[in-house]
Structure formats: C-alpha cells, structure tokens
N, C-alpha and C. Protein backbone atom coordinates (compact mmCIF):
# COMPACT_ATOMS: atom_id res chain seq x y z
N MET A 1 90.45 41.71 106.00
CA MET A 1 91.73 41.78 106.66
C MET A 1 92.87 41.39 105.72
N PHE A 2 92.63 40.39 104.88
CA PHE A 2 93.68 39.96 103.97
C PHE A 2 93.65 40.79 102.70
N LEU A 3 94.82 41.07 102.18
CA LEU A 3 94.96 41.92 101.02
C LEU A 3 94.74 41.13 99.74
N ASN A 4 94.17 41.78 98.75
CA ASN A 4 93.94 41.16 97.45
C ASN A 4 95.10 41.55 96.54
N PRO A 5 96.00 40.62 96.22
CA PRO A 5 97.17 40.96 95.41
C PRO A 5 96.83 41.58 94.05
N GLU A 6 95.80 41.07 93.38
CA GLU A 6 95.43 41.64 92.08
C GLU A 6 95.03 43.10 92.22
N ALA A 7 94.22 43.41 93.25
CA ALA A 7 93.79 44.80 93.48
C ALA A 7 94.98 45.68 93.84
N ILE A 8 95.85 45.18 94.70
CA ILE A 8 97.03 45.96 95.11
C ILE A 8 97.94 46.20 93.90
N LEU A 9 98.17 45.18 93.09
CA LEU A 9 99.08 45.33 91.95
C LEU A 9 98.50 46.22 90.86
N SER A 10 97.21 46.51 90.92
CA SER A 10 96.63 47.43 89.94
C SER A 10 97.20 48.84 90.12
N PHE A 11 97.76 49.13 91.30
CA PHE A 11 98.40 50.42 91.55
C PHE A 11 99.82 50.48 90.98
N CYS A 12 100.37 49.32 90.64
CA CYS A 12 101.74 49.23 90.13
C CYS A 12 101.70 49.22 88.61
N GLU A 13 102.73 49.75 88.02
CA GLU A 13 102.80 49.78 86.56
C GLU A 13 103.66 48.61 86.06
N LEU A 14 103.16 47.41 86.31
CA LEU A 14 103.86 46.22 85.83
C LEU A 14 103.49 46.00 84.36
N LYS A 15 104.51 45.70 83.55
CA LYS A 15 104.30 45.54 82.11
C LYS A 15 104.97 44.25 81.63
N PRO A 16 104.48 43.70 80.52
CA PRO A 16 105.13 42.51 79.97
C PRO A 16 106.63 42.76 79.76
N GLY A 17 107.42 41.76 80.09
CA GLY A 17 108.86 41.84 79.92
C GLY A 17 109.63 42.29 81.15
N MET A 18 108.93 42.81 82.16
CA MET A 18 109.62 43.28 83.37
C MET A 18 110.14 42.11 84.20
N LYS A 19 111.18 42.41 85.01
CA LYS A 19 111.68 41.46 85.98
C LYS A 19 111.25 41.95 87.36
N VAL A 20 110.58 41.05 88.10
CA VAL A 20 110.00 41.37 89.40
C VAL A 20 110.58 40.43 90.45
N ALA A 21 110.88 40.97 91.64
CA ALA A 21 111.31 40.14 92.77
C ALA A 21 110.26 40.27 93.86
N ASP A 22 109.71 39.15 94.26
CA ASP A 22 108.74 39.09 95.37
C ASP A 22 109.52 38.58 96.57
N LEU A 23 109.93 39.51 97.45
CA LEU A 23 110.78 39.17 98.59
C LEU A 23 109.92 38.69 99.75
N GLY A 24 110.15 37.45 100.17
CA GLY A 24 109.30 36.84 101.18
C GLY A 24 107.98 36.43 100.53
N ALA A 25 108.08 35.67 99.46
CA ALA A 25 106.93 35.34 98.62
C ALA A 25 105.85 34.53 99.32
N GLY A 26 106.22 33.77 100.36
CA GLY A 26 105.22 32.98 101.08
C GLY A 26 104.49 32.03 100.16
N SER A 27 103.17 32.10 100.16
CA SER A 27 102.35 31.19 99.34
C SER A 27 102.34 31.58 97.87
N GLY A 28 102.89 32.75 97.54
CA GLY A 28 103.05 33.14 96.14
C GLY A 28 101.91 33.92 95.53
N ALA A 29 101.00 34.42 96.34
CA ALA A 29 99.85 35.16 95.80
C ALA A 29 100.30 36.36 94.96
N TYR A 30 101.27 37.12 95.45
CA TYR A 30 101.76 38.27 94.68
C TYR A 30 102.58 37.81 93.48
N SER A 31 103.35 36.75 93.64
CA SER A 31 104.16 36.24 92.52
C SER A 31 103.27 35.83 91.36
N ILE A 32 102.20 35.12 91.65
CA ILE A 32 101.30 34.66 90.60
C ILE A 32 100.59 35.84 89.95
N ALA A 33 100.11 36.78 90.76
CA ALA A 33 99.42 37.97 90.22
C ALA A 33 100.38 38.80 89.38
N ALA A 34 101.63 38.96 89.82
CA ALA A 34 102.62 39.73 89.06
C ALA A 34 102.98 39.02 87.76
N ALA A 35 103.09 37.70 87.80
CA ALA A 35 103.43 36.92 86.60
C ALA A 35 102.39 37.10 85.51
N GLN A 36 101.13 37.23 85.91
CA GLN A 36 100.07 37.45 84.92
C GLN A 36 100.28 38.78 84.19
N LYS A 37 100.89 39.75 84.86
CA LYS A 37 101.10 41.07 84.26
C LYS A 37 102.39 41.16 83.44
N VAL A 38 103.42 40.41 83.79
CA VAL A 38 104.71 40.54 83.10
C VAL A 38 104.95 39.45 82.05
N SER A 39 104.13 38.42 82.02
CA SER A 39 104.32 37.37 81.03
C SER A 39 103.87 37.89 79.66
N PRO A 40 104.32 37.33 78.57
CA PRO A 40 105.07 36.08 78.48
C PRO A 40 106.58 36.26 78.57
N ASN A 41 107.10 37.47 78.39
CA ASN A 41 108.56 37.64 78.32
C ASN A 41 109.19 38.08 79.62
N GLY A 42 108.39 38.38 80.64
CA GLY A 42 108.93 38.82 81.92
C GLY A 42 109.31 37.65 82.80
N LYS A 43 109.77 38.00 84.01
CA LYS A 43 110.18 36.98 84.97
C LYS A 43 109.84 37.48 86.36
N VAL A 44 109.30 36.59 87.18
CA VAL A 44 109.06 36.87 88.58
C VAL A 44 109.90 35.91 89.39
N TYR A 45 110.71 36.46 90.29
CA TYR A 45 111.52 35.66 91.20
C TYR A 45 110.79 35.63 92.54
N ALA A 46 110.26 34.47 92.88
CA ALA A 46 109.58 34.28 94.16
C ALA A 46 110.63 33.86 95.17
N LEU A 47 111.05 34.81 96.01
CA LEU A 47 112.15 34.59 96.95
C LEU A 47 111.60 34.24 98.32
N GLU A 48 112.02 33.12 98.85
CA GLU A 48 111.48 32.64 100.12
C GLU A 48 112.55 31.85 100.86
N VAL A 49 112.60 32.02 102.19
CA VAL A 49 113.59 31.33 103.00
C VAL A 49 113.07 29.97 103.49
N GLN A 50 111.76 29.82 103.55
CA GLN A 50 111.18 28.56 104.04
C GLN A 50 111.04 27.56 102.87
N LYS A 51 111.83 26.50 102.95
CA LYS A 51 111.86 25.53 101.84
C LYS A 51 110.49 24.89 101.59
N ASP A 52 109.70 24.66 102.64
CA ASP A 52 108.38 24.05 102.44
C ASP A 52 107.45 24.98 101.67
N MET A 53 107.61 26.30 101.85
CA MET A 53 106.80 27.25 101.10
C MET A 53 107.20 27.26 99.63
N ILE A 54 108.50 27.08 99.35
CA ILE A 54 108.97 27.01 97.96
C ILE A 54 108.34 25.80 97.26
N VAL A 55 108.34 24.67 97.94
CA VAL A 55 107.75 23.46 97.37
C VAL A 55 106.26 23.68 97.11
N ARG A 56 105.58 24.25 98.08
CA ARG A 56 104.14 24.51 97.92
C ARG A 56 103.87 25.46 96.75
N LEU A 57 104.66 26.52 96.67
CA LEU A 57 104.47 27.49 95.60
C LEU A 57 104.71 26.84 94.24
N LYS A 58 105.78 26.08 94.11
CA LYS A 58 106.07 25.41 92.83
C LYS A 58 104.89 24.56 92.39
N ASN A 59 104.23 23.91 93.35
CA ASN A 59 103.08 23.06 93.03
C ASN A 59 101.82 23.85 92.71
N ASP A 60 101.75 25.11 93.19
CA ASP A 60 100.55 25.92 93.01
C ASP A 60 100.59 26.85 91.79
N ILE A 61 101.73 26.95 91.13
CA ILE A 61 101.83 27.86 89.98
C ILE A 61 100.98 27.30 88.83
N PRO A 62 100.06 28.11 88.32
CA PRO A 62 99.27 27.64 87.17
C PRO A 62 100.19 27.32 85.99
N ARG A 63 99.88 26.28 85.26
CA ARG A 63 100.72 25.81 84.16
C ARG A 63 101.13 26.93 83.19
N PRO A 64 100.22 27.83 82.78
CA PRO A 64 100.65 28.87 81.83
C PRO A 64 101.70 29.85 82.39
N LEU A 65 101.85 29.89 83.70
CA LEU A 65 102.80 30.82 84.32
C LEU A 65 104.08 30.16 84.81
N GLN A 66 104.19 28.86 84.63
CA GLN A 66 105.35 28.14 85.17
C GLN A 66 106.67 28.62 84.60
N ALA A 67 106.69 29.06 83.35
CA ALA A 67 107.94 29.55 82.77
C ALA A 67 108.26 30.97 83.23
N THR A 68 107.27 31.66 83.75
CA THR A 68 107.46 33.06 84.17
C THR A 68 107.95 33.18 85.60
N ILE A 69 107.55 32.24 86.47
CA ILE A 69 107.90 32.32 87.89
C ILE A 69 109.05 31.38 88.21
N GLU A 70 110.08 31.93 88.81
CA GLU A 70 111.21 31.12 89.28
C GLU A 70 111.23 31.19 90.81
N CYS A 71 111.07 30.05 91.44
CA CYS A 71 111.09 29.99 92.91
C CYS A 71 112.54 29.86 93.37
N VAL A 72 112.93 30.74 94.30
CA VAL A 72 114.33 30.78 94.74
C VAL A 72 114.38 30.72 96.26
N TRP A 73 115.09 29.72 96.76
CA TRP A 73 115.35 29.67 98.20
C TRP A 73 116.40 30.73 98.47
N ALA A 74 116.06 31.71 99.30
CA ALA A 74 116.92 32.87 99.45
C ALA A 74 116.87 33.44 100.87
N ASN A 75 117.98 34.04 101.26
CA ASN A 75 118.03 34.81 102.51
C ASN A 75 117.96 36.27 102.10
N ILE A 76 116.80 36.89 102.27
CA ILE A 76 116.59 38.27 101.83
C ILE A 76 117.17 39.28 102.80
N GLU A 77 117.78 38.81 103.88
CA GLU A 77 118.30 39.71 104.91
C GLU A 77 119.80 39.94 104.85
N LYS A 78 120.45 39.46 103.79
CA LYS A 78 121.90 39.69 103.69
C LYS A 78 122.28 39.98 102.25
N ALA A 79 123.33 40.75 102.10
CA ALA A 79 123.83 41.12 100.77
C ALA A 79 124.15 39.87 99.97
N GLY A 80 123.60 39.79 98.78
CA GLY A 80 123.81 38.64 97.91
C GLY A 80 122.91 37.46 98.22
N GLY A 81 122.13 37.56 99.28
CA GLY A 81 121.30 36.45 99.72
C GLY A 81 120.16 36.07 98.79
N THR A 82 119.78 36.98 97.89
CA THR A 82 118.70 36.65 96.95
C THR A 82 119.23 35.89 95.74
N LYS A 83 120.54 35.93 95.54
CA LYS A 83 121.21 35.28 94.40
C LYS A 83 120.88 35.95 93.07
N LEU A 84 120.26 37.14 93.13
CA LEU A 84 119.91 37.86 91.90
C LEU A 84 121.06 38.78 91.51
N ALA A 85 121.16 39.07 90.22
CA ALA A 85 122.21 39.96 89.72
C ALA A 85 121.99 41.40 90.20
N ARG A 86 123.07 42.11 90.34
CA ARG A 86 123.04 43.52 90.74
C ARG A 86 122.20 44.32 89.74
N GLU A 87 121.32 45.16 90.27
CA GLU A 87 120.47 46.05 89.48
C GLU A 87 119.76 45.33 88.33
N SER A 88 119.20 44.17 88.63
CA SER A 88 118.51 43.37 87.61
C SER A 88 116.99 43.45 87.70
N ILE A 89 116.48 44.06 88.76
CA ILE A 89 115.04 44.02 89.04
C ILE A 89 114.37 45.36 88.72
N ASP A 90 113.29 45.28 87.95
CA ASP A 90 112.50 46.48 87.61
C ASP A 90 111.56 46.85 88.75
N TYR A 91 111.02 45.83 89.43
CA TYR A 91 110.00 46.07 90.46
C TYR A 91 110.17 45.05 91.58
N ALA A 92 110.33 45.54 92.79
CA ALA A 92 110.39 44.66 93.97
C ALA A 92 109.05 44.72 94.69
N ILE A 93 108.62 43.59 95.21
CA ILE A 93 107.40 43.51 96.01
C ILE A 93 107.82 43.08 97.41
N VAL A 94 107.45 43.92 98.39
CA VAL A 94 107.74 43.64 99.80
C VAL A 94 106.41 43.81 100.53
N SER A 95 105.68 42.71 100.68
CA SER A 95 104.35 42.79 101.30
C SER A 95 104.28 41.93 102.55
N ASN A 96 103.97 42.58 103.66
CA ASN A 96 103.83 41.90 104.95
C ASN A 96 105.08 41.11 105.32
N VAL A 97 106.23 41.72 105.05
CA VAL A 97 107.51 41.06 105.30
C VAL A 97 108.37 41.87 106.27
N PHE A 98 108.40 43.18 106.10
CA PHE A 98 109.36 44.02 106.81
C PHE A 98 109.24 43.90 108.33
N PHE A 99 108.04 43.75 108.85
CA PHE A 99 107.86 43.66 110.30
C PHE A 99 108.58 42.45 110.88
N GLN A 100 108.78 41.41 110.07
CA GLN A 100 109.42 40.20 110.59
C GLN A 100 110.89 40.07 110.21
N VAL A 101 111.42 41.03 109.45
CA VAL A 101 112.83 41.02 109.09
C VAL A 101 113.67 41.37 110.32
N GLU A 102 114.55 40.46 110.70
CA GLU A 102 115.41 40.70 111.87
C GLU A 102 116.56 41.63 111.54
N HIS A 103 117.15 41.46 110.36
CA HIS A 103 118.32 42.25 109.96
C HIS A 103 117.89 43.25 108.89
N LYS A 104 117.24 44.31 109.35
CA LYS A 104 116.66 45.29 108.42
C LYS A 104 117.73 45.96 107.56
N GLU A 105 118.88 46.25 108.12
CA GLU A 105 119.95 46.90 107.36
C GLU A 105 120.41 46.00 106.21
N GLY A 106 120.62 44.72 106.47
CA GLY A 106 121.02 43.78 105.42
C GLY A 106 119.94 43.65 104.35
N PHE A 107 118.69 43.62 104.79
CA PHE A 107 117.56 43.54 103.86
C PHE A 107 117.55 44.76 102.93
N LEU A 108 117.69 45.95 103.51
CA LEU A 108 117.66 47.18 102.72
C LEU A 108 118.86 47.25 101.77
N GLN A 109 120.02 46.80 102.23
CA GLN A 109 121.20 46.78 101.35
C GLN A 109 120.97 45.85 100.17
N GLU A 110 120.32 44.72 100.40
CA GLU A 110 120.05 43.79 99.31
C GLU A 110 119.04 44.39 98.33
N LEU A 111 118.05 45.11 98.82
CA LEU A 111 117.11 45.80 97.93
C LEU A 111 117.86 46.78 97.02
N VAL A 112 118.74 47.58 97.61
CA VAL A 112 119.52 48.54 96.83
C VAL A 112 120.36 47.81 95.79
N ARG A 113 120.91 46.67 96.16
CA ARG A 113 121.77 45.91 95.25
C ARG A 113 121.00 45.38 94.04
N ILE A 114 119.78 44.89 94.24
CA ILE A 114 119.08 44.20 93.15
C ILE A 114 118.15 45.09 92.32
N VAL A 115 117.62 46.17 92.90
CA VAL A 115 116.67 47.02 92.16
C VAL A 115 117.44 48.01 91.29
N LYS A 116 117.05 48.08 90.02
CA LYS A 116 117.67 49.01 89.09
C LYS A 116 117.47 50.45 89.55
N ARG A 117 118.39 51.33 89.19
CA ARG A 117 118.17 52.76 89.40
C ARG A 117 116.95 53.13 88.56
N GLY A 118 116.02 53.82 89.17
CA GLY A 118 114.77 54.15 88.48
C GLY A 118 113.73 53.04 88.61
N GLY A 119 114.12 51.91 89.20
CA GLY A 119 113.20 50.81 89.43
C GLY A 119 112.27 51.13 90.60
N HIS A 120 111.22 50.35 90.72
CA HIS A 120 110.19 50.62 91.72
C HIS A 120 110.07 49.51 92.76
N MET A 121 109.40 49.87 93.84
CA MET A 121 109.11 48.90 94.89
C MET A 121 107.71 49.14 95.42
N LEU A 122 106.96 48.06 95.56
CA LEU A 122 105.70 48.05 96.29
C LEU A 122 106.03 47.61 97.70
N PHE A 123 105.69 48.43 98.67
CA PHE A 123 106.04 48.16 100.07
C PHE A 123 104.75 48.25 100.90
N ILE A 124 104.34 47.12 101.45
CA ILE A 124 103.14 47.06 102.28
C ILE A 124 103.52 46.44 103.62
N ASP A 125 103.04 47.05 104.69
CA ASP A 125 103.28 46.45 105.99
C ASP A 125 102.16 46.82 106.95
N TRP A 126 102.16 46.17 108.09
CA TRP A 126 101.14 46.38 109.11
C TRP A 126 101.26 47.79 109.71
N SER A 127 100.15 48.45 109.87
CA SER A 127 100.14 49.76 110.53
C SER A 127 99.83 49.63 112.01
N GLU A 128 99.38 48.46 112.42
CA GLU A 128 99.03 48.21 113.82
C GLU A 128 99.01 46.71 114.08
N SER A 129 98.92 46.34 115.34
CA SER A 129 98.85 44.93 115.71
C SER A 129 97.46 44.36 115.47
N PHE A 130 96.45 45.22 115.39
CA PHE A 130 95.07 44.82 115.15
C PHE A 130 94.60 43.82 116.21
N GLY A 131 94.74 44.25 117.46
CA GLY A 131 94.27 43.43 118.57
C GLY A 131 94.96 42.08 118.67
N GLY A 132 96.19 41.99 118.21
CA GLY A 132 96.93 40.74 118.29
C GLY A 132 96.73 39.83 117.09
N MET A 133 95.83 40.20 116.17
CA MET A 133 95.65 39.37 114.97
C MET A 133 96.79 39.58 113.98
N GLY A 134 97.42 40.75 114.05
CA GLY A 134 98.59 41.04 113.24
C GLY A 134 99.83 40.71 114.05
N PRO A 135 100.94 41.33 113.70
CA PRO A 135 102.18 41.06 114.44
C PRO A 135 102.12 41.62 115.85
N ASP A 136 103.03 41.16 116.69
CA ASP A 136 103.19 41.71 118.02
C ASP A 136 103.42 43.22 117.89
N VAL A 137 102.88 43.98 118.82
CA VAL A 137 103.00 45.44 118.79
C VAL A 137 104.46 45.87 118.64
N SER A 138 105.38 45.15 119.28
CA SER A 138 106.80 45.52 119.22
C SER A 138 107.41 45.29 117.84
N SER A 139 106.75 44.51 116.99
CA SER A 139 107.26 44.23 115.65
C SER A 139 106.74 45.19 114.58
N VAL A 140 105.67 45.91 114.88
CA VAL A 140 105.09 46.83 113.91
C VAL A 140 106.09 47.95 113.62
N VAL A 141 106.32 48.21 112.33
CA VAL A 141 107.21 49.29 111.91
C VAL A 141 106.32 50.43 111.41
N PRO A 142 106.26 51.53 112.15
CA PRO A 142 105.41 52.64 111.72
C PRO A 142 105.80 53.14 110.33
N LYS A 143 104.81 53.62 109.60
CA LYS A 143 105.03 54.07 108.23
C LYS A 143 106.19 55.07 108.13
N GLN A 144 106.21 56.06 109.01
CA GLN A 144 107.27 57.08 108.90
C GLN A 144 108.65 56.47 109.16
N SER A 145 108.74 55.52 110.07
CA SER A 145 110.03 54.85 110.32
C SER A 145 110.48 54.09 109.08
N ALA A 146 109.54 53.38 108.44
CA ALA A 146 109.87 52.65 107.21
C ALA A 146 110.32 53.63 106.12
N LEU A 147 109.58 54.73 105.96
CA LEU A 147 109.94 55.73 104.95
C LEU A 147 111.34 56.29 105.21
N ASP A 148 111.65 56.56 106.47
CA ASP A 148 112.97 57.09 106.82
C ASP A 148 114.07 56.09 106.47
N MET A 149 113.87 54.82 106.80
CA MET A 149 114.87 53.79 106.50
C MET A 149 115.04 53.63 105.00
N LEU A 150 113.93 53.62 104.27
CA LEU A 150 113.98 53.45 102.82
C LEU A 150 114.65 54.66 102.16
N ALA A 151 114.36 55.86 102.65
CA ALA A 151 114.97 57.08 102.10
C ALA A 151 116.48 57.06 102.30
N LYS A 152 116.91 56.58 103.46
CA LYS A 152 118.35 56.48 103.76
C LYS A 152 119.06 55.59 102.74
N HIS A 153 118.31 54.67 102.14
CA HIS A 153 118.88 53.73 101.16
C HIS A 153 118.51 54.11 99.72
N GLY A 154 118.06 55.35 99.53
CA GLY A 154 117.88 55.84 98.16
C GLY A 154 116.52 55.62 97.55
N PHE A 155 115.54 55.22 98.34
CA PHE A 155 114.18 55.03 97.81
C PHE A 155 113.33 56.23 98.17
N THR A 156 112.64 56.77 97.18
CA THR A 156 111.80 57.95 97.34
C THR A 156 110.34 57.57 97.17
N LEU A 157 109.51 58.09 98.03
CA LEU A 157 108.07 57.82 97.94
C LEU A 157 107.51 58.45 96.67
N GLU A 158 106.87 57.62 95.86
CA GLU A 158 106.19 58.11 94.66
C GLU A 158 104.72 58.36 94.96
N LYS A 159 104.09 57.37 95.66
CA LYS A 159 102.69 57.55 96.06
C LYS A 159 102.33 56.55 97.14
N GLU A 160 101.31 56.92 97.89
CA GLU A 160 100.73 56.01 98.87
C GLU A 160 99.51 55.36 98.23
N ILE A 161 99.25 54.11 98.60
CA ILE A 161 98.10 53.40 98.04
C ILE A 161 97.26 52.82 99.17
N ALA A 162 96.01 52.56 98.86
CA ALA A 162 95.11 51.93 99.82
C ALA A 162 95.52 50.47 99.98
N ALA A 163 95.77 50.07 101.21
CA ALA A 163 96.21 48.70 101.47
C ALA A 163 95.40 48.07 102.60
N GLY A 164 94.21 48.55 102.81
CA GLY A 164 93.36 47.98 103.85
C GLY A 164 93.42 48.78 105.13
N ASP A 165 92.57 48.41 106.08
CA ASP A 165 92.43 49.16 107.32
C ASP A 165 93.61 49.00 108.27
N HIS A 166 94.38 47.94 108.14
CA HIS A 166 95.42 47.64 109.12
C HIS A 166 96.83 47.62 108.51
N HIS A 167 96.95 48.13 107.30
CA HIS A 167 98.23 48.16 106.59
C HIS A 167 98.43 49.54 105.96
N TYR A 168 99.68 49.85 105.67
CA TYR A 168 99.96 51.00 104.82
C TYR A 168 100.62 50.49 103.55
N GLY A 169 100.41 51.21 102.46
CA GLY A 169 100.97 50.81 101.18
C GLY A 169 101.73 51.96 100.55
N LEU A 170 102.92 51.66 100.06
CA LEU A 170 103.79 52.67 99.47
C LEU A 170 104.32 52.18 98.13
N ILE A 171 104.41 53.08 97.19
CA ILE A 171 105.12 52.81 95.94
C ILE A 171 106.31 53.76 95.94
N LEU A 172 107.49 53.17 95.85
CA LEU A 172 108.73 53.95 95.91
C LEU A 172 109.55 53.73 94.65
N VAL A 173 110.43 54.67 94.39
CA VAL A 173 111.34 54.55 93.25
C VAL A 173 112.76 54.64 93.79
N ARG A 174 113.64 53.85 93.20
CA ARG A 174 115.05 53.89 93.61
C ARG A 174 115.74 55.00 92.83
N GLY A 175 116.34 55.91 93.56
CA GLY A 175 117.05 57.02 92.94
C GLY A 175 118.40 56.62 92.40
N ALA A 176 119.02 57.57 91.72
CA ALA A 176 120.31 57.31 91.10
C ALA A 176 121.45 57.27 92.11
N ALA A 177 121.24 57.89 93.27
CA ALA A 177 122.34 58.01 94.23
C ALA A 177 121.99 57.35 95.56
N ALA A 178 121.78 56.05 95.52
CA ALA A 178 121.49 55.34 96.77
C ALA A 178 122.78 55.19 97.56
N SER A 179 122.67 55.35 98.87
CA SER A 179 123.86 55.24 99.69
C SER A 179 124.29 53.78 99.83
N ALA A 180 125.56 53.57 99.87
CA ALA A 180 126.10 52.21 100.01
C ALA A 180 126.73 52.11 101.40
N HIS A 181 126.02 51.56 102.33
CA HIS A 181 126.51 51.45 103.71
C HIS A 181 127.24 50.16 103.91
C-alpha cells in the first residue's frame, strides 16, 4: 500500500546538481531519496507546513545528505508561500498531497511560479479511497481532473508511471506558456 520513494524516483530523471522541491515533504522519504540522486552539488527543499514534521525530518536526514536537504516551513497553498525563487526548481515532487490541498488554485499557481520552464514534476495521488484506508472519498481527485487542472496551469503529461494499486503517477513538464491566473 505504501509507495517506495526510491522505486518511484527511478522513473524521474534526477541528476547531480538539480534543484528539487518536495511539496508536502512529511517525513521526508522522497526528500532523502531525491537528495541521494542530486548530491553533491544539488539541493532538495523539503517543504512542509507542520513544524513538528520539519523537526523530525531535520533529525532523520543522514549526515552525508545534510548539506543537500534544506527543510523549509512553508505554506504550499499560496503564491510565494514556499519562499523559493521564481523558476528556480528543476523538479517538483507532489506525492500524496493534492487530495488534502484546500486551496488548489493557490497551490497550482505556486507550482507555476517555482518550476522552471521545461522543468518537471512527479505527481502522485490516490486513485480511490481504498475502503477508507486512503482519503475520504470526497477528497479523492480523479486522475483526469488533476490532469485538467495541471494542463490549465501549463503542465503537460510526459508519461504515466506505476504508482501502486491505489494511486496514479504522472510525470509532467512545465511548458513555456503557462497561464498566469
């Protein structure tokens, strides 16, 4: 049921020196896995709104990756809320986050703001409630709805990836002409 970040990131073309934003980093599993791929010269921004998760993640980062991962207390649902520079991110990671985002428009605007033109995004979310073990049925965002919202903000589907029985996985690229709403 739980996703393996290393296996999922094998579908992404993360390279040393890249800048990655893990939006809604939680315990940091994707941040740590991404840091292993972009170090020593890259940077992973582990963005999280829950301060206790930031503290936990800071304590869990393996010593060799501590210079690569920067933990940031951030509101990913509003423009400027990540505190990252405009078009500074090569790859955004959005895993098991979108279903719980209350202000989806603000979240999508912030993605457009921080991801470089031609930059990529890994987008994984629940495809079903899975008998109540996943999110409430009303919170599930169907794949096509997510694709439509992302397309409206200039993200184009590059490929679908295997993300388990109860999730969908998408790799998207930010186009040159993203709409600014």
